[in-house]
PDB file of N, CA and C in Angstrom:
ATOM      1  N   ILE A   1      12.498  -3.626  14.379  1.00  0.00           N
ATOM      2  CA  ILE A   1      11.867  -4.254  13.240  1.00  0.00           C
ATOM      3  C   ILE A   1      10.880  -5.290  13.769  1.00  0.00           C
ATOM      4  N   HIS A   2       9.670  -5.264  13.223  1.00  0.00           N
ATOM      5  CA  HIS A   2       8.605  -6.143  13.693  1.00  0.00           C
ATOM      6  C   HIS A   2       8.047  -6.970  12.545  1.00  0.00           C
ATOM      7  N   ARG A   3       7.535  -8.132  12.867  1.00  0.00           N
ATOM      8  CA  ARG A   3       6.831  -8.945  11.876  1.00  0.00           C
ATOM      9  C   ARG A   3       5.516  -8.256  11.522  1.00  0.00           C
ATOM     10  N   ALA A   4       5.120  -8.380  10.272  1.00  0.00           N
ATOM     11  CA  ALA A   4       3.857  -7.779   9.835  1.00  0.00           C
ATOM     12  C   ALA A   4       2.687  -8.318  10.641  1.00  0.00           C
ATOM     13  N   THR A   5       2.735  -9.594  11.008  1.00  0.00           N
ATOM     14  CA  THR A   5       1.634 -10.178  11.782  1.00  0.00           C
ATOM     15  C   THR A   5       1.539  -9.573  13.174  1.00  0.00           C
ATOM     16  N   ALA A   6       2.636  -9.030  13.683  1.00  0.00           N
ATOM     17  CA  ALA A   6       2.631  -8.445  15.030  1.00  0.00           C
ATOM     18  C   ALA A   6       2.044  -7.039  15.047  1.00  0.00           C
ATOM     19  N   VAL A   7       2.144  -6.309  13.935  1.00  0.00           N
ATOM     20  CA  VAL A   7       1.675  -4.920  13.920  1.00  0.00           C
ATOM     21  C   VAL A   7       0.334  -4.747  13.220  1.00  0.00           C
ATOM     22  N   GLY A   8      -0.098  -5.749  12.475  1.00  0.00           N
ATOM     23  CA  GLY A   8      -1.375  -5.641  11.784  1.00  0.00           C
ATOM     24  C   GLY A   8      -1.255  -4.849  10.497  1.00  0.00           C
ATOM     25  N   PRO A   9      -2.391  -4.542   9.881  1.00  0.00           N
ATOM     26  CA  PRO A   9      -2.383  -3.834   8.599  1.00  0.00           C
ATOM     27  C   PRO A   9      -1.767  -2.440   8.727  1.00  0.00           C
ATOM     28  N   LEU A  10      -0.922  -2.106   7.780  1.00  0.00           N
ATOM     29  CA  LEU A  10      -0.296  -0.784   7.769  1.00  0.00           C
ATOM     30  C   LEU A  10      -0.979   0.070   6.712  1.00  0.00           C
ATOM     31  N   GLU A  11      -2.167   0.524   7.029  1.00  0.00           N
ATOM     32  CA  GLU A  11      -2.928   1.322   6.075  1.00  0.00           C
ATOM     33  C   GLU A  11      -2.913   2.799   6.420  1.00  0.00           C
ATOM     34  N   ARG A  12      -2.702   3.107   7.676  1.00  0.00           N
ATOM     35  CA  ARG A  12      -2.647   4.493   8.136  1.00  0.00           C
ATOM     36  C   ARG A  12      -1.545   4.604   9.172  1.00  0.00           C
ATOM     37  N   GLY A  13      -1.042   5.788   9.336  1.00  0.00           N
ATOM     38  CA  GLY A  13      -0.026   6.038  10.353  1.00  0.00           C
ATOM     39  C   GLY A  13       0.981   7.042   9.843  1.00  0.00           C
ATOM     40  N   THR A  14       1.365   7.940  10.713  1.00  0.00           N
ATOM     41  CA  THR A  14       2.338   8.962  10.347  1.00  0.00           C
ATOM     42  C   THR A  14       3.723   8.342  10.252  1.00  0.00           C
ATOM     43  N   ILE A  15       4.429   8.701   9.189  1.00  0.00           N
ATOM     44  CA  ILE A  15       5.829   8.312   9.037  1.00  0.00           C
ATOM     45  C   ILE A  15       6.661   9.587   9.089  1.00  0.00           C
ATOM     46  N   ARG A  16       7.783   9.528   9.814  1.00  0.00           N
ATOM     47  CA  ARG A  16       8.600  10.717  10.032  1.00  0.00           C
ATOM     48  C   ARG A  16      10.080  10.401   9.873  1.00  0.00           C
ATOM     49  N   LEU A  17      10.846  11.419   9.515  1.00  0.00           N
ATOM     50  CA  LEU A  17      12.301  11.329   9.531  1.00  0.00           C
ATOM     51  C   LEU A  17      12.848  12.616  10.117  1.00  0.00           C
ATOM     52  N   GLU A  18      13.698  12.466  11.121  1.00  0.00           N
ATOM     53  CA  GLU A  18      14.422  13.601  11.694  1.00  0.00           C
ATOM     54  C   GLU A  18      15.897  13.441  11.365  1.00  0.00           C
ATOM     55  N   VAL A  19      16.543  14.554  11.067  1.00  0.00           N
ATOM     56  CA  VAL A  19      17.985  14.575  10.868  1.00  0.00           C
ATOM     57  C   VAL A  19      18.550  15.539  11.900  1.00  0.00           C
ATOM     58  N   ASN A  20      19.371  15.021  12.791  1.00  0.00           N
ATOM     59  CA  ASN A  20      19.958  15.811  13.874  1.00  0.00           C
ATOM     60  C   ASN A  20      18.890  16.550  14.677  1.00  0.00           C
ATOM     61  N   GLY A  21      17.773  15.876  14.937  1.00  0.00           N
ATOM     62  CA  GLY A  21      16.708  16.437  15.762  1.00  0.00           C
ATOM     63  C   GLY A  21      15.754  17.369  15.042  1.00  0.00           C
ATOM     64  N   VAL A  22      15.961  17.597  13.746  1.00  0.00           N
ATOM     65  CA  VAL A  22      15.096  18.481  12.962  1.00  0.00           C
ATOM     66  C   VAL A  22      14.253  17.626  12.017  1.00  0.00           C
ATOM     67  N   GLU A  23      12.932  17.792  12.083  1.00  0.00           N
ATOM     68  CA  GLU A  23      12.058  17.015  11.204  1.00  0.00           C
ATOM     69  C   GLU A  23      12.272  17.424   9.754  1.00  0.00           C
ATOM     70  N   ARG A  24      12.614  16.448   8.916  1.00  0.00           N
ATOM     71  CA  ARG A  24      12.826  16.691   7.488  1.00  0.00           C
ATOM     72  C   ARG A  24      11.676  16.172   6.648  1.00  0.00           C
ATOM     73  N   GLN A  25      11.042  15.089   7.119  1.00  0.00           N
ATOM     74  CA  GLN A  25       9.977  14.480   6.332  1.00  0.00           C
ATOM     75  C   GLN A  25       8.847  14.031   7.247  1.00  0.00           C
ATOM     76  N   ARG A  26       7.627  14.166   6.732  1.00  0.00           N
ATOM     77  CA  ARG A  26       6.437  13.688   7.441  1.00  0.00           C
ATOM     78  C   ARG A  26       5.398  13.353   6.384  1.00  0.00           C
ATOM     79  N   GLY A  27       4.758  12.231   6.559  1.00  0.00           N
ATOM     80  CA  GLY A  27       3.701  11.817   5.650  1.00  0.00           C
ATOM     81  C   GLY A  27       2.815  10.816   6.346  1.00  0.00           C
ATOM     82  N   ASP A  28       1.847  10.298   5.631  1.00  0.00           N
ATOM     83  CA  ASP A  28       0.957   9.288   6.191  1.00  0.00           C
ATOM     84  C   ASP A  28       0.895   8.111   5.228  1.00  0.00           C
ATOM     85  N   LEU A  29       0.897   6.918   5.786  1.00  0.00           N
ATOM     86  CA  LEU A  29       0.815   5.719   4.953  1.00  0.00           C
ATOM     87  C   LEU A  29      -0.417   5.740   4.057  1.00  0.00           C
ATOM     88  N   ALA A  30      -1.490   6.374   4.513  1.00  0.00           N
ATOM     89  CA  ALA A  30      -2.731   6.434   3.731  1.00  0.00           C
ATOM     90  C   ALA A  30      -2.559   7.248   2.450  1.00  0.00           C
ATOM     91  N   ASP A  31      -1.513   8.075   2.373  1.00  0.00           N
ATOM     92  CA  ASP A  31      -1.296   8.924   1.206  1.00  0.00           C
ATOM     93  C   ASP A  31      -0.383   8.292   0.158  1.00  0.00           C
ATOM     94  N   MET A  32       0.086   7.088   0.411  1.00  0.00           N
ATOM     95  CA  MET A  32       0.976   6.433  -0.546  1.00  0.00           C
ATOM     96  C   MET A  32       0.204   6.063  -1.813  1.00  0.00           C
ATOM     97  N   ILE A  33       0.893   6.040  -2.935  1.00  0.00           N
ATOM     98  CA  ILE A  33       0.259   5.691  -4.206  1.00  0.00           C
ATOM     99  C   ILE A  33      -0.264   4.264  -4.160  1.00  0.00           C
ATOM    100  N   TRP A  34       0.548   3.327  -3.664  1.00  0.00           N
ATOM    101  CA  TRP A  34       0.142   1.937  -3.479  1.00  0.00           C
ATOM    102  C   TRP A  34       0.191   1.629  -1.993  1.00  0.00           C
ATOM    103  N   SER A  35      -0.771   0.860  -1.518  1.00  0.00           N
ATOM    104  CA  SER A  35      -0.789   0.477  -0.105  1.00  0.00           C
ATOM    105  C   SER A  35       0.314  -0.549   0.161  1.00  0.00           C
ATOM    106  N   VAL A  36       0.652  -0.716   1.431  1.00  0.00           N
ATOM    107  CA  VAL A  36       1.664  -1.710   1.795  1.00  0.00           C
ATOM    108  C   VAL A  36       1.262  -3.106   1.308  1.00  0.00           C
ATOM    109  N   PRO A  37      -0.001  -3.554   1.509  1.00  0.00           N
ATOM    110  CA  PRO A  37      -0.370  -4.874   0.981  1.00  0.00           C
ATOM    111  C   PRO A  37      -0.217  -4.971  -0.542  1.00  0.00           C
ATOM    112  N   GLU A  38      -0.531  -3.898  -1.267  1.00  0.00           N
ATOM    113  CA  GLU A  38      -0.363  -3.918  -2.724  1.00  0.00           C
ATOM    114  C   GLU A  38       1.110  -4.056  -3.101  1.00  0.00           C
ATOM    115  N   ILE A  39       1.973  -3.331  -2.391  1.00  0.00           N
ATOM    116  CA  ILE A  39       3.411  -3.398  -2.675  1.00  0.00           C
ATOM    117  C   ILE A  39       3.930  -4.814  -2.444  1.00  0.00           C
ATOM    118  N   VAL A  40       3.538  -5.414  -1.317  1.00  0.00           N
ATOM    119  CA  VAL A  40       3.981  -6.776  -1.008  1.00  0.00           C
ATOM    120  C   VAL A  40       3.458  -7.757  -2.058  1.00  0.00           C
ATOM    121  N   ALA A  41       2.213  -7.590  -2.479  1.00  0.00           N
ATOM    122  CA  ALA A  41       1.645  -8.482  -3.501  1.00  0.00           C
ATOM    123  C   ALA A  41       2.408  -8.359  -4.817  1.00  0.00           C
ATOM    124  N   ILE A  42       2.720  -7.146  -5.226  1.00  0.00           N
ATOM    125  CA  ILE A  42       3.459  -6.939  -6.476  1.00  0.00           C
ATOM    126  C   ILE A  42       4.854  -7.544  -6.376  1.00  0.00           C
ATOM    127  N   LEU A  43       5.558  -7.252  -5.279  1.00  0.00           N
ATOM    128  CA  LEU A  43       6.903  -7.808  -5.098  1.00  0.00           C
ATOM    129  C   LEU A  43       6.883  -9.332  -5.092  1.00  0.00           C
ATOM    130  N   SER A  44       5.855  -9.898  -4.480  1.00  0.00           N
ATOM    131  CA  SER A  44       5.745 -11.362  -4.395  1.00  0.00           C
ATOM    132  C   SER A  44       5.604 -12.005  -5.769  1.00  0.00           C
ATOM    133  N   GLY A  45       5.134 -11.244  -6.732  1.00  0.00           N
ATOM    134  CA  GLY A  45       5.044 -11.759  -8.089  1.00  0.00           C
ATOM    135  C   GLY A  45       6.396 -11.864  -8.780  1.00  0.00           C
ATOM    136  N   TYR A  46       7.399 -11.160  -8.268  1.00  0.00           N
ATOM    137  CA  TYR A  46       8.735 -11.151  -8.864  1.00  0.00           C
ATOM    138  C   TYR A  46       9.792 -11.841  -8.006  1.00  0.00           C
ATOM    139  N   PHE A  47       9.603 -11.797  -6.690  1.00  0.00           N
ATOM    140  CA  PHE A  47      10.593 -12.323  -5.753  1.00  0.00           C
ATOM    141  C   PHE A  47       9.913 -13.209  -4.724  1.00  0.00           C
ATOM    142  N   GLU A  48      10.632 -14.193  -4.240  1.00  0.00           N
ATOM    143  CA  GLU A  48      10.127 -15.014  -3.146  1.00  0.00           C
ATOM    144  C   GLU A  48      10.503 -14.314  -1.844  1.00  0.00           C
ATOM    145  N   LEU A  49       9.541 -13.652  -1.236  1.00  0.00           N
ATOM    146  CA  LEU A  49       9.806 -12.934   0.006  1.00  0.00           C
ATOM    147  C   LEU A  49       9.913 -13.926   1.153  1.00  0.00           C
ATOM    148  N   GLN A  50      10.884 -13.676   2.023  1.00  0.00           N
ATOM    149  CA  GLN A  50      11.149 -14.544   3.164  1.00  0.00           C
ATOM    150  C   GLN A  50      10.929 -13.769   4.461  1.00  0.00           C
ATOM    151  N   ALA A  51      10.685 -14.503   5.535  1.00  0.00           N
ATOM    152  CA  ALA A  51      10.597 -13.873   6.858  1.00  0.00           C
ATOM    153  C   ALA A  51      11.890 -13.104   7.102  1.00  0.00           C
ATOM    154  N   GLY A  52      11.754 -11.872   7.541  1.00  0.00           N
ATOM    155  CA  GLY A  52      12.922 -11.035   7.803  1.00  0.00           C
ATOM    156  C   GLY A  52      13.282 -10.098   6.668  1.00  0.00           C
ATOM    157  N   ASP A  53      12.695 -10.293   5.483  1.00  0.00           N
ATOM    158  CA  ASP A  53      12.952  -9.371   4.377  1.00  0.00           C
ATOM    159  C   ASP A  53      12.421  -7.989   4.732  1.00  0.00           C
ATOM    160  N   LEU A  54      13.146  -6.971   4.329  1.00  0.00           N
ATOM    161  CA  LEU A  54      12.708  -5.592   4.519  1.00  0.00           C
ATOM    162  C   LEU A  54      12.165  -5.072   3.199  1.00  0.00           C
ATOM    163  N   VAL A  55      11.051  -4.369   3.259  1.00  0.00           N
ATOM    164  CA  VAL A  55      10.448  -3.785   2.066  1.00  0.00           C
ATOM    165  C   VAL A  55      10.453  -2.274   2.251  1.00  0.00           C
ATOM    166  N   PHE A  56      11.182  -1.587   1.393  1.00  0.00           N
ATOM    167  CA  PHE A  56      11.254  -0.136   1.454  1.00  0.00           C
ATOM    168  C   PHE A  56      10.265   0.439   0.450  1.00  0.00           C
ATOM    169  N   THR A  57       9.518   1.465   0.853  1.00  0.00           N
ATOM    170  CA  THR A  57       8.394   1.933   0.053  1.00  0.00           C
ATOM    171  C   THR A  57       8.608   3.276  -0.623  1.00  0.00           C
ATOM    172  N   GLY A  58       9.710   3.915  -0.406  1.00  0.00           N
ATOM    173  CA  GLY A  58       9.901   5.247  -0.943  1.00  0.00           C
ATOM    174  C   GLY A  58       9.846   6.257   0.181  1.00  0.00           C
ATOM    175  N   THR A  59       9.629   7.494  -0.166  1.00  0.00           N
ATOM    176  CA  THR A  59       9.772   8.543   0.832  1.00  0.00           C
ATOM    177  C   THR A  59       8.814   9.698   0.571  1.00  0.00           C
ATOM    178  N   PRO A  60       8.353  10.369   1.635  1.00  0.00           N
ATOM    179  CA  PRO A  60       7.559  11.584   1.438  1.00  0.00           C
ATOM    180  C   PRO A  60       8.450  12.734   0.960  1.00  0.00           C
ATOM    181  N   ALA A  61       7.842  13.850   0.651  1.00  0.00           N
ATOM    182  CA  ALA A  61       8.593  15.043   0.244  1.00  0.00           C
ATOM    183  C   ALA A  61       9.589  15.428   1.328  1.00  0.00           C
ATOM    184  N   GLY A  62      10.667  16.074   0.919  1.00  0.00           N
ATOM    185  CA  GLY A  62      11.652  16.560   1.879  1.00  0.00           C
ATOM    186  C   GLY A  62      12.995  15.877   1.772  1.00  0.00           C
ATOM    187  N   VAL A  63      13.198  15.110   0.701  1.00  0.00           N
ATOM    188  CA  VAL A  63      14.464  14.410   0.519  1.00  0.00           C
ATOM    189  C   VAL A  63      15.596  15.429   0.432  1.00  0.00           C
ATOM    190  N   GLY A  64      16.692  15.136   1.088  1.00  0.00           N
ATOM    191  CA  GLY A  64      17.843  16.026   1.043  1.00  0.00           C
ATOM    192  C   GLY A  64      19.099  15.283   1.437  1.00  0.00           C
ATOM    193  N   PRO A  65      20.239  15.922   1.256  1.00  0.00           N
ATOM    194  CA  PRO A  65      21.506  15.257   1.558  1.00  0.00           C
ATOM    195  C   PRO A  65      21.725  15.099   3.062  1.00  0.00           C
ATOM    196  N   VAL A  66      22.507  14.098   3.406  1.00  0.00           N
ATOM    197  CA  VAL A  66      22.995  13.928   4.772  1.00  0.00           C
ATOM    198  C   VAL A  66      24.510  13.818   4.679  1.00  0.00           C
ATOM    199  N   GLN A  67      25.170  14.010   5.807  1.00  0.00           N
ATOM    200  CA  GLN A  67      26.619  13.935   5.801  1.00  0.00           C
ATOM    201  C   GLN A  67      27.139  13.131   6.974  1.00  0.00           C
ATOM    202  N   ARG A  68      28.405  12.780   6.889  1.00  0.00           N
ATOM    203  CA  ARG A  68      29.042  11.996   7.935  1.00  0.00           C
ATOM    204  C   ARG A  68      28.797  12.650   9.296  1.00  0.00           C
ATOM    205  N   GLY A  69      28.399  11.828  10.259  1.00  0.00           N
ATOM    206  CA  GLY A  69      28.131  12.317  11.609  1.00  0.00           C
ATOM    207  C   GLY A  69      26.673  12.641  11.873  1.00  0.00           C
ATOM    208  N   ASP A  70      25.852  12.770  10.820  1.00  0.00           N
ATOM    209  CA  ASP A  70      24.427  13.058  11.019  1.00  0.00           C
ATOM    210  C   ASP A  70      23.740  11.882  11.707  1.00  0.00           C
ATOM    211  N   ARG A  71      22.768  12.211  12.542  1.00  0.00           N
ATOM    212  CA  ARG A  71      21.947  11.183  13.193  1.00  0.00           C
ATOM    213  C   ARG A  71      20.553  11.252  12.585  1.00  0.00           C
ATOM    214  N   LEU A  72      20.080  10.136  12.046  1.00  0.00           N
ATOM    215  CA  LEU A  72      18.758  10.041  11.432  1.00  0.00           C
ATOM    216  C   LEU A  72      17.869   9.177  12.312  1.00  0.00           C
ATOM    217  N   VAL A  73      16.656   9.651  12.553  1.00  0.00           N
ATOM    218  CA  VAL A  73      15.672   8.885  13.312  1.00  0.00           C
ATOM    219  C   VAL A  73      14.409   8.812  12.466  1.00  0.00           C
ATOM    220  N   GLY A  74      14.059   7.606  12.061  1.00  0.00           N
ATOM    221  CA  GLY A  74      12.839   7.380  11.300  1.00  0.00           C
ATOM    222  C   GLY A  74      11.831   6.658  12.166  1.00  0.00           C
ATOM    223  N   SER A  75      10.549   6.978  11.979  1.00  0.00           N
ATOM    224  CA  SER A  75       9.525   6.315  12.791  1.00  0.00           C
ATOM    225  C   SER A  75       8.238   6.145  12.001  1.00  0.00           C
ATOM    226  N   VAL A  76       7.470   5.144  12.425  1.00  0.00           N
ATOM    227  CA  VAL A  76       6.132   4.894  11.903  1.00  0.00           C
ATOM    228  C   VAL A  76       5.228   4.702  13.108  1.00  0.00           C
ATOM    229  N   ASP A  77       4.124   5.460  13.161  1.00  0.00           N
ATOM    230  CA  ASP A  77       3.184   5.336  14.283  1.00  0.00           C
ATOM    231  C   ASP A  77       2.809   3.883  14.524  1.00  0.00           C
ATOM    232  N   GLY A  78       2.819   3.492  15.773  1.00  0.00           N
ATOM    233  CA  GLY A  78       2.399   2.156  16.145  1.00  0.00           C
ATOM    234  C   GLY A  78       3.453   1.084  15.967  1.00  0.00           C
ATOM    235  N   ILE A  79       4.580   1.441  15.379  1.00  0.00           N
ATOM    236  CA  ILE A  79       5.642   0.455  15.171  1.00  0.00           C
ATOM    237  C   ILE A  79       6.868   0.798  16.002  1.00  0.00           C
ATOM    238  N   GLY A  80       7.286   2.043  15.950  1.00  0.00           N
ATOM    239  CA  GLY A  80       8.471   2.450  16.700  1.00  0.00           C
ATOM    240  C   GLY A  80       9.386   3.271  15.825  1.00  0.00           C
ATOM    241  N   GLU A  81      10.656   3.350  16.256  1.00  0.00           N
ATOM    242  CA  GLU A  81      11.595   4.162  15.505  1.00  0.00           C
ATOM    243  C   GLU A  81      12.907   3.423  15.308  1.00  0.00           C
ATOM    244  N   LEU A  82      13.654   3.894  14.321  1.00  0.00           N
ATOM    245  CA  LEU A  82      14.961   3.350  13.995  1.00  0.00           C
ATOM    246  C   LEU A  82      15.912   4.529  13.921  1.00  0.00           C
ATOM    247  N   SER A  83      17.032   4.435  14.628  1.00  0.00           N
ATOM    248  CA  SER A  83      18.009   5.509  14.671  1.00  0.00           C
ATOM    249  C   SER A  83      19.327   5.015  14.096  1.00  0.00           C
ATOM    250  N   VAL A  84      19.913   5.817  13.208  1.00  0.00           N
ATOM    251  CA  VAL A  84      21.220   5.486  12.635  1.00  0.00           C
ATOM    252  C   VAL A  84      22.089   6.738  12.610  1.00  0.00           C
ATOM    253  N   ARG A  85      23.405   6.526  12.676  1.00  0.00           N
ATOM    254  CA  ARG A  85      24.360   7.624  12.521  1.00  0.00           C
ATOM    255  C   ARG A  85      25.148   7.355  11.242  1.00  0.00           C
ATOM    256  N   ILE A  86      25.301   8.387  10.424  1.00  0.00           N
ATOM    257  CA  ILE A  86      26.035   8.262   9.167  1.00  0.00           C
ATOM    258  C   ILE A  86      27.529   8.266   9.475  1.00  0.00           C
ATOM    259  N   VAL A  87      28.227   7.240   8.981  1.00  0.00           N
ATOM    260  CA  VAL A  87      29.684   7.154   9.214  1.00  0.00           C
ATOM    261  C   VAL A  87      30.440   7.256   7.913  1.00  0.00           C
TER     262      VAL A  87
END
């Protein structure tokens, strides 16, 4: 997890999700209905955002079930990846 100031504007970049090594979702930040800055601005009108808050933006096509033991790896170009195992 990185500070927004460390990664710069998130206007473009491939976002991916793999489940057990198989790509389930792929999209680009440029294809989102609202840009990341727009989402943060809207949220800021309702909530006082603090350093360390996570903002989730939704998901590209390909949503599906996961089960106990699955390993999920999500990534955003230029930021890195996050890996979790479902328990």
